[in-house]
Amino acid sequence: MLGLEDRPHKINADRGNVVHKALELLARRKLAEQNGHKTFREEEIGKEWRTDRMTSELALEEGWNHYSKKAPYWDWNNQELATCRYHLSVVLNHNGGMYSPLKRTIVCPEQYFDLPIEADWAKRRLYHPHLGKAVDVQLAIKGTVDLVVESTFSPKVLQYIDWKTGSRNDWTSKKKPVPKKDFAKLCQDPQLRMYHWALWKLYPGIEDILITIFYVADGGPFVIPLRKDDLADTEEMFRKKFDQIHSVTVPEDIVGSDKCKWCFHGKTPLSGGKVSACEQVGSEILELGIDRVIAKHGNPDSISAYADGGGRTAPRKKERKVAK
C-alpha cells in the first residue's frame, strides 16, 4: 500500500524468477506452435522471437539477462547460472517431461485474474485516505497463475501448474526447526485455494481442475485434490481474512523480530529518514493513525495496479478458450 520498492533477502528469489521466465517463454513458444504462429512476443522482456528458435537454453539465457539487469545488486556468477540451468532441467525432464510446457497443450501462460467476490460480506463502506471520504468498495482477488494446461486425459479438465524453486518450509509455523509443508497443509494453502477459486470463475465450462505445485528443489510435484465443492470453504477463508484485515487499526509491531532479518525495509530508511522504513511508519501509525499514514506515504497506483507476477502492471487477456 505504501508503494515501496521491495528487494529479496537473497538472490534465491530472483534466481527463481529466471527459471520462471524461461518456463514462461517455452510455454509461449508451444502456444505459438499450437496456433500456427511463426513468431511470438513476451511483453515484460519486450522482444519477439521466431517460434522454431526458442530452445530451453535460449529461454534460460533470456530470463538470465532480463533479471540480472533488473537486479544488478546480486553477484550473477557462473555458479548461479548453473543452478538455474539445473532447476530448469529438473522441470523439463521430470517423469519423462510430463511437466514440460513443450510437451503439454497450453491454455494460458501467466494467466492473470482480477475477480470481484459477489457475496454481500465482500461489499463494505470504507474510509478512503486519499479521497478523504467514505466510499463503497467490493473485495476483489488479483493474481497471476504460472501456467494453465489441458490435462493429459481430457481437454475439459484443466491443470494448473505452479513452480516453486524455494524450499517447502512452512514459515507460518512457530515450531523449531521449521517443518515442511505436508500434503494436508498444502490442501489448505491460501495461494493454491485462491488460484483454484479464480480458475473456476475464469473457465466455467470445464469439468474439473487439477492443482499441481512443483517444488523444483524440495520434493517435486504435489497434486492437490481440490474440487468444485471446496469453493464455498475457500470463500469462507477469504471472508475470515477480510474481516481480520478490516478489524486492524494498529498492525502488530514485529520490529526487531526474526522476520526483520528477511525484510529489506527493516534495514532501509524511507527517503531522507534516519531509522528503518518499518520503524518510521510504525511510530507514525501510533501518532497519526493508519489512515493519515496511508494518505501521507501511500501510493494509490500501487494498490490497484498489480497485474502480473514479478510486479508487472499490464494485465493479460485470456489467450485461448477451453472447449465447452
Foldseek 3Di string as FASTA:
>chain_A
DLPDDFDWLACQVLLVQLLLQLLLVLLQLLQCVVVVHQKDADPVLGDIDGSVPNDSVVSSVSSLVVSCVVCVVHDSDPVSSVVSVLLNCLQCPPPNRPRRSNPFAFQDAFAWDKAFDPDPLQWDWAQALQVRGTDIDGDIDTATFGTKTADPPDLLEIEGEAEAQDEQFDPVDPDPPTDGQDLVNVLVDLVQLSVLLRVCVVAVRGDFYWYWYAHSVYDGIDIHPDGPVCNVVSVVVVSVVVVVVVPDFQDDDQQPHPVLSGTPQSCPPDVPDDHGVSVVLNVCCVVPTPSNSCNVSNDVCQVPQQIGPPRDRDHDDRDHHGDD
